[in-house]
Amino acid sequence: MAKRFGMQLAALLIFLTASSAAIAQKQVPDTVTTGIYITSIHDINFKEKEYNVNLWLWLKYKNKKFDFLHNLEVPQAKSVTTSFSTIDSSENKVYMLMKLQCVMKDTWAIDNFPFDRQKLRFSIENSQFDSKSLVFKADTLGKHFDPRFTLRGWAIDSLDISTGTKIYETAFGDPAFTKPHTEYSNFKVRLQIDRNAMGLFWKMFLGMYVAFLISYMCFYIHTDSIDSRFGLSVGALFAVIGNKYIIDSALPESTSFTLVDTLHGLTLLFILTVIICTSYSLRLIKHNKIDKAKQFDFVSAQILLGTYLVTNAYFIYEASRF
């Protein structure tokens, strides 16, 4: 009986020792409470896929080894400038406040341009400590952007802050890791902005519509002036192509078919149809069917104009409602 009791006691001691060792080995990460306040977003550059943001960033934590002043990582930033920083390490905790000026790189959704909505993303990490040592917690108290700052041509729809884990499938050359997998905690901000589009839309597409109307007026030129009708249509065709190249020069490259491509392609197709109709009218005139040519021009003009207006309205409506 005594022998059995001794064996049970030894097993219990082994279990407690192993549990204590496992608890000691398991590292509890320190929490960094993080908040943000955006004061300005400006210089949105579609061609270069970047924008500038000015913001206040504060971090509250206990581990004084977290040197965010030198180890703050902004993964999507082209450049980061710290214009002001202050640290309060009293009462066994650290409070750090920084003002950052960042040039951010991002991707743009231009399928519905200029009726587009963009999501601007900002995130931070600590380049020295991974998620086993450091985790972020979002400070959700108060507002996160200055409602008085104006983003010309845009309206702020929403701003969301959250935390998560960024996975890197690499060990960064550290021999202590058995597999190429590293995780870093991050603090994320997502700002959605909507473009005030109507003014920009008419500014960019007015030339295209005028070119189409010039081509359309060919139907009301007397059938004796066939050369003038062809000349106006061809001139309108090149005007639309030139207008598209001007707009494309201000936008980033895109593999998808955007609203800009759709409207210009539609206009080119209708101008081509005008040229085809003019050719048919010329054929009727050569066969001395002048009255039939006039009737054909009148009917074609009404059908083309109505179809062009309806199709444009449909594509613009579809783009603006998303």
C-alpha atoms as a PDB file:
ATOM      1  CA  MET A   1       0.000   0.000   0.000  1.00  0.00           C
ATOM      2  CA  ALA A   2       2.791   2.371   0.919  1.00  0.00           C
ATOM      3  CA  LYS A   3       4.618   1.477  -2.281  1.00  0.00           C
ATOM      4  CA  ARG A   4       1.536   2.261  -4.388  1.00  0.00           C
ATOM      5  CA  PHE A   5       1.078   5.595  -2.597  1.00  0.00           C
ATOM      6  CA  GLY A   6       4.701   6.463  -3.241  1.00  0.00           C
ATOM      7  CA  MET A   7       4.339   5.714  -6.954  1.00  0.00           C
ATOM      8  CA  GLN A   8       1.201   7.884  -7.216  1.00  0.00           C
ATOM      9  CA  LEU A   9       2.943  10.732  -5.406  1.00  0.00           C
ATOM     10  CA  ALA A  10       5.941  10.503  -7.741  1.00  0.00           C
ATOM     11  CA  ALA A  11       3.651  10.545 -10.796  1.00  0.00           C
ATOM     12  CA  LEU A  12       1.845  13.607  -9.438  1.00  0.00           C
ATOM     13  CA  LEU A  13       5.139  15.428  -8.875  1.00  0.00           C
ATOM     14  CA  ILE A  14       6.256  14.622 -12.424  1.00  0.00           C
ATOM     15  CA  PHE A  15       2.951  15.914 -13.816  1.00  0.00           C
ATOM     16  CA  LEU A  16       3.147  19.148 -11.804  1.00  0.00           C
ATOM     17  CA  THR A  17       6.760  19.690 -12.850  1.00  0.00           C
ATOM     18  CA  ALA A  18       5.919  19.184 -16.538  1.00  0.00           C
ATOM     19  CA  SER A  19       2.922  21.520 -16.305  1.00  0.00           C
ATOM     20  CA  SER A  20       4.996  24.204 -14.619  1.00  0.00           C
ATOM     21  CA  ALA A  21       7.653  23.893 -17.301  1.00  0.00           C
ATOM     22  CA  ALA A  22       5.035  24.150 -20.061  1.00  0.00           C
ATOM     23  CA  ILE A  23       3.526  27.251 -18.468  1.00  0.00           C
ATOM     24  CA  ALA A  24       6.963  28.800 -18.093  1.00  0.00           C
ATOM     25  CA  GLN A  25       7.767  28.080 -21.729  1.00  0.00           C
ATOM     26  CA  LYS A  26       4.494  29.548 -22.979  1.00  0.00           C
ATOM     27  CA  GLN A  27       5.129  33.249 -23.448  1.00  0.00           C
ATOM     28  CA  VAL A  28       2.205  35.581 -22.846  1.00  0.00           C
ATOM     29  CA  PRO A  29       2.440  38.540 -25.273  1.00  0.00           C
ATOM     30  CA  ASP A  30       2.241  42.087 -23.955  1.00  0.00           C
ATOM     31  CA  THR A  31      -0.663  44.257 -25.114  1.00  0.00           C
ATOM     32  CA  VAL A  32      -0.150  47.595 -26.855  1.00  0.00           C
ATOM     33  CA  THR A  33      -3.268  49.759 -26.831  1.00  0.00           C
ATOM     34  CA  THR A  34      -3.172  51.813 -30.030  1.00  0.00           C
ATOM     35  CA  GLY A  35      -5.232  54.723 -31.315  1.00  0.00           C
ATOM     36  CA  ILE A  36      -5.197  57.015 -34.332  1.00  0.00           C
ATOM     37  CA  TYR A  37      -6.525  60.424 -35.340  1.00  0.00           C
ATOM     38  CA  ILE A  38      -6.243  61.476 -38.985  1.00  0.00           C
ATOM     39  CA  THR A  39      -5.845  65.211 -39.529  1.00  0.00           C
ATOM     40  CA  SER A  40      -5.375  65.365 -43.296  1.00  0.00           C
ATOM     41  CA  ILE A  41      -5.474  63.294 -46.489  1.00  0.00           C
ATOM     42  CA  HIS A  42      -4.221  65.037 -49.601  1.00  0.00           C
ATOM     43  CA  ASP A  43      -2.323  64.707 -52.888  1.00  0.00           C
ATOM     44  CA  ILE A  44      -4.234  61.649 -54.082  1.00  0.00           C
ATOM     45  CA  ASN A  45      -2.277  60.611 -57.166  1.00  0.00           C
ATOM     46  CA  PHE A  46      -4.073  58.074 -59.350  1.00  0.00           C
ATOM     47  CA  LYS A  47      -1.270  57.686 -61.850  1.00  0.00           C
ATOM     48  CA  GLU A  48       1.402  56.953 -59.233  1.00  0.00           C
ATOM     49  CA  LYS A  49      -1.015  54.999 -56.983  1.00  0.00           C
ATOM     50  CA  GLU A  50      -0.226  56.975 -53.853  1.00  0.00           C
ATOM     51  CA  TYR A  51      -1.596  59.547 -51.404  1.00  0.00           C
ATOM     52  CA  ASN A  52      -0.369  61.558 -48.409  1.00  0.00           C
ATOM     53  CA  VAL A  53      -1.801  61.253 -44.911  1.00  0.00           C
ATOM     54  CA  ASN A  54      -1.048  63.205 -41.721  1.00  0.00           C
ATOM     55  CA  LEU A  55      -2.084  61.606 -38.439  1.00  0.00           C
ATOM     56  CA  TRP A  56      -1.557  61.335 -34.716  1.00  0.00           C
ATOM     57  CA  LEU A  57      -0.656  57.880 -33.402  1.00  0.00           C
ATOM     58  CA  TRP A  58      -0.510  56.911 -29.741  1.00  0.00           C
ATOM     59  CA  LEU A  59       0.563  53.680 -28.057  1.00  0.00           C
ATOM     60  CA  LYS A  60       0.188  52.593 -24.429  1.00  0.00           C
ATOM     61  CA  TYR A  61       2.082  49.569 -23.042  1.00  0.00           C
ATOM     62  CA  LYS A  62       4.164  48.279 -20.119  1.00  0.00           C
ATOM     63  CA  ASN A  63       7.176  46.614 -21.743  1.00  0.00           C
ATOM     64  CA  LYS A  64       9.812  49.321 -22.103  1.00  0.00           C
ATOM     65  CA  LYS A  65      11.717  47.214 -24.640  1.00  0.00           C
ATOM     66  CA  PHE A  66       9.118  48.134 -27.273  1.00  0.00           C
ATOM     67  CA  ASP A  67      10.986  50.920 -29.005  1.00  0.00           C
ATOM     68  CA  PHE A  68       8.308  52.114 -31.417  1.00  0.00           C
ATOM     69  CA  LEU A  69      10.190  55.313 -32.124  1.00  0.00           C
ATOM     70  CA  HIS A  70      12.828  53.328 -34.045  1.00  0.00           C
ATOM     71  CA  ASN A  71      11.009  50.047 -34.782  1.00  0.00           C
ATOM     72  CA  LEU A  72       7.654  51.295 -36.036  1.00  0.00           C
ATOM     73  CA  GLU A  73       6.849  49.572 -39.339  1.00  0.00           C
ATOM     74  CA  VAL A  74       4.276  50.958 -41.800  1.00  0.00           C
ATOM     75  CA  PRO A  75       4.204  48.213 -44.471  1.00  0.00           C
ATOM     76  CA  GLN A  76       2.365  50.130 -47.217  1.00  0.00           C
ATOM     77  CA  ALA A  77       4.252  53.399 -46.811  1.00  0.00           C
ATOM     78  CA  LYS A  78       6.584  54.814 -49.425  1.00  0.00           C
ATOM     79  CA  SER A  79       8.030  57.144 -46.800  1.00  0.00           C
ATOM     80  CA  VAL A  80       7.309  57.939 -43.145  1.00  0.00           C
ATOM     81  CA  THR A  81       8.317  61.150 -41.394  1.00  0.00           C
ATOM     82  CA  THR A  82       7.921  61.612 -37.636  1.00  0.00           C
ATOM     83  CA  SER A  83       7.429  65.333 -37.156  1.00  0.00           C
ATOM     84  CA  PHE A  84       6.742  65.109 -33.412  1.00  0.00           C
ATOM     85  CA  SER A  85       7.052  62.487 -30.661  1.00  0.00           C
ATOM     86  CA  THR A  86       6.797  62.402 -26.890  1.00  0.00           C
ATOM     87  CA  ILE A  87       7.181  59.579 -24.360  1.00  0.00           C
ATOM     88  CA  ASP A  88       5.835  59.376 -20.788  1.00  0.00           C
ATOM     89  CA  SER A  89       7.233  56.364 -18.910  1.00  0.00           C
ATOM     90  CA  SER A  90       5.941  57.175 -15.428  1.00  0.00           C
ATOM     91  CA  GLU A  91       3.837  54.804 -13.280  1.00  0.00           C
ATOM     92  CA  ASN A  92       5.505  51.673 -14.706  1.00  0.00           C
ATOM     93  CA  LYS A  93       3.920  52.092 -18.125  1.00  0.00           C
ATOM     94  CA  VAL A  94       4.778  53.855 -21.354  1.00  0.00           C
ATOM     95  CA  TYR A  95       2.624  56.349 -23.212  1.00  0.00           C
ATOM     96  CA  MET A  96       3.967  57.380 -26.627  1.00  0.00           C
ATOM     97  CA  LEU A  97       2.427  60.020 -28.883  1.00  0.00           C
ATOM     98  CA  MET A  98       3.686  60.625 -32.424  1.00  0.00           C
ATOM     99  CA  LYS A  99       2.652  62.768 -35.362  1.00  0.00           C
ATOM    100  CA  LEU A 100       3.355  61.037 -38.659  1.00  0.00           C
ATOM    101  CA  GLN A 101       3.435  62.268 -42.237  1.00  0.00           C
ATOM    102  CA  CYS A 102       3.225  59.286 -44.594  1.00  0.00           C
ATOM    103  CA  VAL A 103       3.278  58.855 -48.345  1.00  0.00           C
ATOM    104  CA  MET A 104       1.199  55.718 -48.829  1.00  0.00           C
ATOM    105  CA  LYS A 105       1.149  53.330 -51.782  1.00  0.00           C
ATOM    106  CA  ASP A 106      -2.170  51.704 -52.564  1.00  0.00           C
ATOM    107  CA  THR A 107      -4.193  50.176 -55.380  1.00  0.00           C
ATOM    108  CA  TRP A 108      -7.144  51.974 -56.925  1.00  0.00           C
ATOM    109  CA  ALA A 109     -10.470  50.528 -58.028  1.00  0.00           C
ATOM    110  CA  ILE A 110     -11.083  52.380 -61.309  1.00  0.00           C
ATOM    111  CA  ASP A 111     -13.704  50.140 -62.933  1.00  0.00           C
ATOM    112  CA  ASN A 112     -16.426  52.743 -62.262  1.00  0.00           C
ATOM    113  CA  PHE A 113     -14.253  55.860 -62.550  1.00  0.00           C
ATOM    114  CA  PRO A 114     -15.226  58.675 -62.055  1.00  0.00           C
ATOM    115  CA  PHE A 115     -18.092  57.218 -59.968  1.00  0.00           C
ATOM    116  CA  ASP A 116     -15.576  55.319 -57.867  1.00  0.00           C
ATOM    117  CA  ARG A 117     -15.233  54.520 -54.190  1.00  0.00           C
ATOM    118  CA  GLN A 118     -11.771  53.998 -52.794  1.00  0.00           C
ATOM    119  CA  LYS A 119     -10.595  52.191 -49.675  1.00  0.00           C
ATOM    120  CA  LEU A 120      -7.472  53.711 -48.176  1.00  0.00           C
ATOM    121  CA  ARG A 121      -5.534  51.341 -45.939  1.00  0.00           C
ATOM    122  CA  PHE A 122      -3.052  52.119 -43.179  1.00  0.00           C
ATOM    123  CA  SER A 123      -1.410  49.593 -40.863  1.00  0.00           C
ATOM    124  CA  ILE A 124       1.481  49.438 -38.394  1.00  0.00           C
ATOM    125  CA  GLU A 125       3.662  46.671 -36.958  1.00  0.00           C
ATOM    126  CA  ASN A 126       6.663  46.428 -34.686  1.00  0.00           C
ATOM    127  CA  SER A 127       9.646  45.205 -36.698  1.00  0.00           C
ATOM    128  CA  GLN A 128      11.479  43.942 -33.591  1.00  0.00           C
ATOM    129  CA  PHE A 129       8.850  41.812 -31.806  1.00  0.00           C
ATOM    130  CA  ASP A 130       6.521  39.236 -33.359  1.00  0.00           C
ATOM    131  CA  SER A 131       3.025  38.231 -32.213  1.00  0.00           C
ATOM    132  CA  LYS A 132       4.447  35.939 -29.502  1.00  0.00           C
ATOM    133  CA  SER A 133       5.779  39.001 -27.681  1.00  0.00           C
ATOM    134  CA  LEU A 134       3.448  41.809 -28.748  1.00  0.00           C
ATOM    135  CA  VAL A 135      -0.216  42.142 -29.682  1.00  0.00           C
ATOM    136  CA  PHE A 136      -2.122  45.300 -30.561  1.00  0.00           C
ATOM    137  CA  LYS A 137      -5.429  46.371 -29.056  1.00  0.00           C
ATOM    138  CA  ALA A 138      -7.468  49.122 -30.718  1.00  0.00           C
ATOM    139  CA  ASP A 139      -8.344  52.241 -28.754  1.00  0.00           C
ATOM    140  CA  THR A 140     -11.909  52.887 -30.001  1.00  0.00           C
ATOM    141  CA  LEU A 141     -12.731  55.839 -27.756  1.00  0.00           C
ATOM    142  CA  GLY A 142     -13.685  59.047 -29.580  1.00  0.00           C
ATOM    143  CA  LYS A 143     -13.433  59.952 -33.260  1.00  0.00           C
ATOM    144  CA  HIS A 144     -10.612  58.791 -35.502  1.00  0.00           C
ATOM    145  CA  PHE A 145     -10.489  61.653 -38.013  1.00  0.00           C
ATOM    146  CA  ASP A 146     -10.984  65.385 -38.011  1.00  0.00           C
ATOM    147  CA  PRO A 147     -14.487  66.040 -39.421  1.00  0.00           C
ATOM    148  CA  ARG A 148     -13.425  69.576 -40.388  1.00  0.00           C
ATOM    149  CA  PHE A 149     -10.703  68.585 -42.824  1.00  0.00           C
ATOM    150  CA  THR A 150     -11.896  68.695 -46.426  1.00  0.00           C
ATOM    151  CA  LEU A 151     -10.820  66.170 -48.989  1.00  0.00           C
ATOM    152  CA  ARG A 152     -11.527  68.113 -52.168  1.00  0.00           C
ATOM    153  CA  GLY A 153     -13.738  66.179 -54.539  1.00  0.00           C
ATOM    154  CA  TRP A 154     -14.321  63.358 -52.046  1.00  0.00           C
ATOM    155  CA  ALA A 155     -16.616  62.550 -49.126  1.00  0.00           C
ATOM    156  CA  ILE A 156     -15.626  60.331 -46.191  1.00  0.00           C
ATOM    157  CA  ASP A 157     -18.006  57.392 -45.977  1.00  0.00           C
ATOM    158  CA  SER A 158     -16.598  55.375 -43.070  1.00  0.00           C
ATOM    159  CA  LEU A 159     -13.484  54.671 -41.029  1.00  0.00           C
ATOM    160  CA  ASP A 160     -12.864  51.322 -39.342  1.00  0.00           C
ATOM    161  CA  ILE A 161     -10.007  50.336 -37.034  1.00  0.00           C
ATOM    162  CA  SER A 162      -9.104  46.765 -36.109  1.00  0.00           C
ATOM    163  CA  THR A 163      -6.230  44.502 -35.130  1.00  0.00           C
ATOM    164  CA  GLY A 164      -5.004  41.258 -36.601  1.00  0.00           C
ATOM    165  CA  THR A 165      -2.003  39.125 -37.456  1.00  0.00           C
ATOM    166  CA  LYS A 166       0.204  39.508 -40.529  1.00  0.00           C
ATOM    167  CA  ILE A 167       1.734  36.239 -41.715  1.00  0.00           C
ATOM    168  CA  TYR A 168       5.112  36.172 -43.440  1.00  0.00           C
ATOM    169  CA  GLU A 169       6.093  32.883 -45.057  1.00  0.00           C
ATOM    170  CA  THR A 170       9.767  33.381 -44.206  1.00  0.00           C
ATOM    171  CA  ALA A 171      12.010  33.148 -41.168  1.00  0.00           C
ATOM    172  CA  PHE A 172      14.011  36.221 -42.257  1.00  0.00           C
ATOM    173  CA  GLY A 173      17.172  34.088 -42.091  1.00  0.00           C
ATOM    174  CA  ASP A 174      16.810  33.300 -38.365  1.00  0.00           C
ATOM    175  CA  PRO A 175      18.224  29.769 -37.727  1.00  0.00           C
ATOM    176  CA  ALA A 176      16.093  29.445 -34.569  1.00  0.00           C
ATOM    177  CA  PHE A 177      12.973  28.899 -36.699  1.00  0.00           C
ATOM    178  CA  THR A 178      12.387  25.354 -37.951  1.00  0.00           C
ATOM    179  CA  LYS A 179      10.102  26.457 -40.800  1.00  0.00           C
ATOM    180  CA  PRO A 180       9.743  29.675 -42.843  1.00  0.00           C
ATOM    181  CA  HIS A 181       6.741  31.097 -40.993  1.00  0.00           C
ATOM    182  CA  THR A 182       6.577  34.273 -38.912  1.00  0.00           C
ATOM    183  CA  GLU A 183       3.585  36.156 -37.503  1.00  0.00           C
ATOM    184  CA  TYR A 184       3.450  39.811 -36.499  1.00  0.00           C
ATOM    185  CA  SER A 185       0.563  41.553 -34.813  1.00  0.00           C
ATOM    186  CA  ASN A 186      -0.721  44.620 -36.649  1.00  0.00           C
ATOM    187  CA  PHE A 187      -3.045  47.561 -36.145  1.00  0.00           C
ATOM    188  CA  LYS A 188      -5.178  48.345 -39.202  1.00  0.00           C
ATOM    189  CA  VAL A 189      -7.182  51.346 -40.394  1.00  0.00           C
ATOM    190  CA  ARG A 190      -9.525  51.274 -43.385  1.00  0.00           C
ATOM    191  CA  LEU A 191     -10.988  54.547 -44.653  1.00  0.00           C
ATOM    192  CA  GLN A 192     -13.615  54.511 -47.405  1.00  0.00           C
ATOM    193  CA  ILE A 193     -14.072  57.668 -49.480  1.00  0.00           C
ATOM    194  CA  ASP A 194     -16.647  58.418 -52.188  1.00  0.00           C
ATOM    195  CA  ARG A 195     -15.966  60.731 -55.101  1.00  0.00           C
ATOM    196  CA  ASN A 196     -18.238  63.693 -55.853  1.00  0.00           C
ATOM    197  CA  ALA A 197     -18.318  62.689 -59.488  1.00  0.00           C
ATOM    198  CA  MET A 198     -20.788  64.689 -61.588  1.00  0.00           C
ATOM    199  CA  GLY A 199     -18.638  67.768 -62.084  1.00  0.00           C
ATOM    200  CA  LEU A 200     -15.594  65.675 -62.977  1.00  0.00           C
ATOM    201  CA  PHE A 201     -17.692  63.453 -65.243  1.00  0.00           C
ATOM    202  CA  TRP A 202     -18.861  66.334 -67.453  1.00  0.00           C
ATOM    203  CA  LYS A 203     -15.413  67.877 -67.441  1.00  0.00           C
ATOM    204  CA  MET A 204     -13.902  64.658 -68.801  1.00  0.00           C
ATOM    205  CA  PHE A 205     -16.645  63.440 -71.142  1.00  0.00           C
ATOM    206  CA  LEU A 206     -18.131  66.660 -72.530  1.00  0.00           C
ATOM    207  CA  GLY A 207     -15.698  66.639 -75.470  1.00  0.00           C
ATOM    208  CA  MET A 208     -16.672  63.058 -76.307  1.00  0.00           C
ATOM    209  CA  TYR A 209     -20.390  63.873 -76.349  1.00  0.00           C
ATOM    210  CA  VAL A 210     -19.855  66.991 -78.448  1.00  0.00           C
ATOM    211  CA  ALA A 211     -17.890  64.892 -80.952  1.00  0.00           C
ATOM    212  CA  PHE A 212     -20.758  62.409 -81.168  1.00  0.00           C
ATOM    213  CA  LEU A 213     -23.320  65.186 -81.686  1.00  0.00           C
ATOM    214  CA  ILE A 214     -21.194  66.637 -84.489  1.00  0.00           C
ATOM    215  CA  SER A 215     -21.189  63.233 -86.141  1.00  0.00           C
ATOM    216  CA  TYR A 216     -24.917  62.875 -85.504  1.00  0.00           C
ATOM    217  CA  MET A 217     -25.638  66.200 -87.240  1.00  0.00           C
ATOM    218  CA  CYS A 218     -24.468  64.560 -90.483  1.00  0.00           C
ATOM    219  CA  PHE A 219     -27.964  63.105 -90.817  1.00  0.00           C
ATOM    220  CA  TYR A 220     -29.345  66.647 -91.233  1.00  0.00           C
ATOM    221  CA  ILE A 221     -26.854  67.760 -93.889  1.00  0.00           C
ATOM    222  CA  HIS A 222     -28.284  67.718 -97.402  1.00  0.00           C
ATOM    223  CA  THR A 223     -27.605  64.560 -99.359  1.00  0.00           C
ATOM    224  CA  ASP A 224     -25.702  66.570-101.993  1.00  0.00           C
ATOM    225  CA  SER A 225     -22.930  67.251 -99.425  1.00  0.00           C
ATOM    226  CA  ILE A 226     -21.803  63.677 -98.905  1.00  0.00           C
ATOM    227  CA  ASP A 227     -18.130  64.718 -98.648  1.00  0.00           C
ATOM    228  CA  SER A 228     -18.929  67.064 -95.751  1.00  0.00           C
ATOM    229  CA  ARG A 229     -20.823  64.312 -93.964  1.00  0.00           C
ATOM    230  CA  PHE A 230     -17.901  61.900 -94.214  1.00  0.00           C
ATOM    231  CA  GLY A 231     -15.455  64.597 -93.140  1.00  0.00           C
ATOM    232  CA  LEU A 232     -17.409  65.473 -89.980  1.00  0.00           C
ATOM    233  CA  SER A 233     -17.818  61.821 -88.978  1.00  0.00           C
ATOM    234  CA  VAL A 234     -14.147  60.969 -89.411  1.00  0.00           C
ATOM    235  CA  GLY A 235     -13.121  64.122 -87.522  1.00  0.00           C
ATOM    236  CA  ALA A 236     -15.474  63.182 -84.668  1.00  0.00           C
ATOM    237  CA  LEU A 237     -13.967  59.679 -84.614  1.00  0.00           C
ATOM    238  CA  PHE A 238     -10.451  61.021 -84.036  1.00  0.00           C
ATOM    239  CA  ALA A 239     -11.730  63.531 -81.459  1.00  0.00           C
ATOM    240  CA  VAL A 240     -13.176  60.709 -79.343  1.00  0.00           C
ATOM    241  CA  ILE A 241      -9.950  58.701 -79.603  1.00  0.00           C
ATOM    242  CA  GLY A 242      -7.950  61.757 -78.512  1.00  0.00           C
ATOM    243  CA  ASN A 243     -10.297  62.346 -75.572  1.00  0.00           C
ATOM    244  CA  LYS A 244      -9.817  58.757 -74.408  1.00  0.00           C
ATOM    245  CA  TYR A 245      -6.022  59.017 -74.530  1.00  0.00           C
ATOM    246  CA  ILE A 246      -6.150  62.189 -72.426  1.00  0.00           C
ATOM    247  CA  ILE A 247      -8.267  60.497 -69.732  1.00  0.00           C
ATOM    248  CA  ASP A 248      -6.171  57.315 -69.778  1.00  0.00           C
ATOM    249  CA  SER A 249      -3.008  59.359 -69.202  1.00  0.00           C
ATOM    250  CA  ALA A 250      -4.329  60.363 -65.758  1.00  0.00           C
ATOM    251  CA  LEU A 251      -5.296  56.823 -64.711  1.00  0.00           C
ATOM    252  CA  PRO A 252      -3.201  53.794 -63.700  1.00  0.00           C
ATOM    253  CA  GLU A 253      -2.958  50.792 -65.987  1.00  0.00           C
ATOM    254  CA  SER A 254      -5.906  48.428 -65.755  1.00  0.00           C
ATOM    255  CA  THR A 255      -6.554  45.013 -67.298  1.00  0.00           C
ATOM    256  CA  SER A 256     -10.327  45.261 -66.767  1.00  0.00           C
ATOM    257  CA  PHE A 257     -12.820  47.047 -69.009  1.00  0.00           C
ATOM    258  CA  THR A 258     -13.675  50.253 -67.146  1.00  0.00           C
ATOM    259  CA  LEU A 259     -16.532  52.730 -67.506  1.00  0.00           C
ATOM    260  CA  VAL A 260     -14.170  55.042 -69.399  1.00  0.00           C
ATOM    261  CA  ASP A 261     -13.477  52.265 -71.902  1.00  0.00           C
ATOM    262  CA  THR A 262     -17.181  51.399 -72.178  1.00  0.00           C
ATOM    263  CA  LEU A 263     -18.405  54.931 -72.908  1.00  0.00           C
ATOM    264  CA  HIS A 264     -15.643  55.697 -75.391  1.00  0.00           C
ATOM    265  CA  GLY A 265     -16.029  52.328 -77.104  1.00  0.00           C
ATOM    266  CA  LEU A 266     -19.778  52.849 -77.330  1.00  0.00           C
ATOM    267  CA  THR A 267     -19.317  56.309 -78.828  1.00  0.00           C
ATOM    268  CA  LEU A 268     -16.804  55.052 -81.391  1.00  0.00           C
ATOM    269  CA  LEU A 269     -19.207  52.268 -82.365  1.00  0.00           C
ATOM    270  CA  PHE A 270     -22.079  54.724 -82.892  1.00  0.00           C
ATOM    271  CA  ILE A 271     -19.914  57.103 -84.924  1.00  0.00           C
ATOM    272  CA  LEU A 272     -18.881  54.141 -87.062  1.00  0.00           C
ATOM    273  CA  THR A 273     -22.579  53.360 -87.502  1.00  0.00           C
ATOM    274  CA  VAL A 274     -23.152  56.942 -88.663  1.00  0.00           C
ATOM    275  CA  ILE A 275     -20.418  56.478 -91.281  1.00  0.00           C
ATOM    276  CA  ILE A 276     -21.995  53.204 -92.423  1.00  0.00           C
ATOM    277  CA  CYS A 277     -25.407  54.882 -92.694  1.00  0.00           C
ATOM    278  CA  THR A 278     -23.869  57.717 -94.706  1.00  0.00           C
ATOM    279  CA  SER A 279     -22.319  55.176 -97.079  1.00  0.00           C
ATOM    280  CA  TYR A 280     -25.693  53.529 -97.578  1.00  0.00           C
ATOM    281  CA  SER A 281     -27.309  56.928 -98.246  1.00  0.00           C
ATOM    282  CA  LEU A 282     -24.623  57.604-100.870  1.00  0.00           C
ATOM    283  CA  ARG A 283     -25.477  54.309-102.540  1.00  0.00           C
ATOM    284  CA  LEU A 284     -29.162  55.204-102.639  1.00  0.00           C
ATOM    285  CA  ILE A 285     -28.368  58.599-104.151  1.00  0.00           C
ATOM    286  CA  LYS A 286     -26.249  57.015-106.876  1.00  0.00           C
ATOM    287  CA  HIS A 287     -29.279  54.912-107.770  1.00  0.00           C
ATOM    288  CA  ASN A 288     -31.404  58.113-107.934  1.00  0.00           C
ATOM    289  CA  LYS A 289     -33.395  57.163-104.823  1.00  0.00           C
ATOM    290  CA  ILE A 290     -33.097  60.573-103.190  1.00  0.00           C
ATOM    291  CA  ASP A 291     -36.419  60.462-101.314  1.00  0.00           C
ATOM    292  CA  LYS A 292     -35.626  57.028 -99.926  1.00  0.00           C
ATOM    293  CA  ALA A 293     -32.200  58.275 -98.846  1.00  0.00           C
ATOM    294  CA  LYS A 294     -33.784  61.205 -96.975  1.00  0.00           C
ATOM    295  CA  GLN A 295     -36.250  58.894 -95.256  1.00  0.00           C
ATOM    296  CA  PHE A 296     -33.453  56.489 -94.310  1.00  0.00           C
ATOM    297  CA  ASP A 297     -31.411  59.354 -92.809  1.00  0.00           C
ATOM    298  CA  PHE A 298     -34.366  60.544 -90.735  1.00  0.00           C
ATOM    299  CA  VAL A 299     -35.233  57.106 -89.324  1.00  0.00           C
ATOM    300  CA  SER A 300     -31.585  56.232 -88.676  1.00  0.00           C
ATOM    301  CA  ALA A 301     -31.036  59.526 -86.831  1.00  0.00           C
ATOM    302  CA  GLN A 302     -33.905  58.891 -84.408  1.00  0.00           C
ATOM    303  CA  ILE A 303     -32.968  55.259 -83.737  1.00  0.00           C
ATOM    304  CA  LEU A 304     -29.261  55.992 -83.205  1.00  0.00           C
ATOM    305  CA  LEU A 305     -29.832  58.970 -80.913  1.00  0.00           C
ATOM    306  CA  GLY A 306     -32.398  57.139 -78.777  1.00  0.00           C
ATOM    307  CA  THR A 307     -30.261  54.008 -78.491  1.00  0.00           C
ATOM    308  CA  TYR A 308     -27.133  56.023 -77.686  1.00  0.00           C
ATOM    309  CA  LEU A 309     -28.851  57.981 -74.913  1.00  0.00           C
ATOM    310  CA  VAL A 310     -30.424  54.884 -73.341  1.00  0.00           C
ATOM    311  CA  THR A 311     -27.217  52.829 -73.358  1.00  0.00           C
ATOM    312  CA  ASN A 312     -25.168  55.701 -71.904  1.00  0.00           C
ATOM    313  CA  ALA A 313     -27.730  56.290 -69.170  1.00  0.00           C
ATOM    314  CA  TYR A 314     -27.739  52.586 -68.309  1.00  0.00           C
ATOM    315  CA  PHE A 315     -23.951  52.252 -67.962  1.00  0.00           C
ATOM    316  CA  ILE A 316     -23.643  55.504 -65.994  1.00  0.00           C
ATOM    317  CA  TYR A 317     -26.436  54.461 -63.626  1.00  0.00           C
ATOM    318  CA  GLU A 318     -24.875  51.044 -63.054  1.00  0.00           C
ATOM    319  CA  ALA A 319     -21.520  52.615 -62.253  1.00  0.00           C
ATOM    320  CA  SER A 320     -22.908  55.300 -59.927  1.00  0.00           C
ATOM    321  CA  ARG A 321     -25.033  53.017 -57.755  1.00  0.00           C
ATOM    322  CA  PHE A 322     -22.161  50.859 -56.483  1.00  0.00           C
END
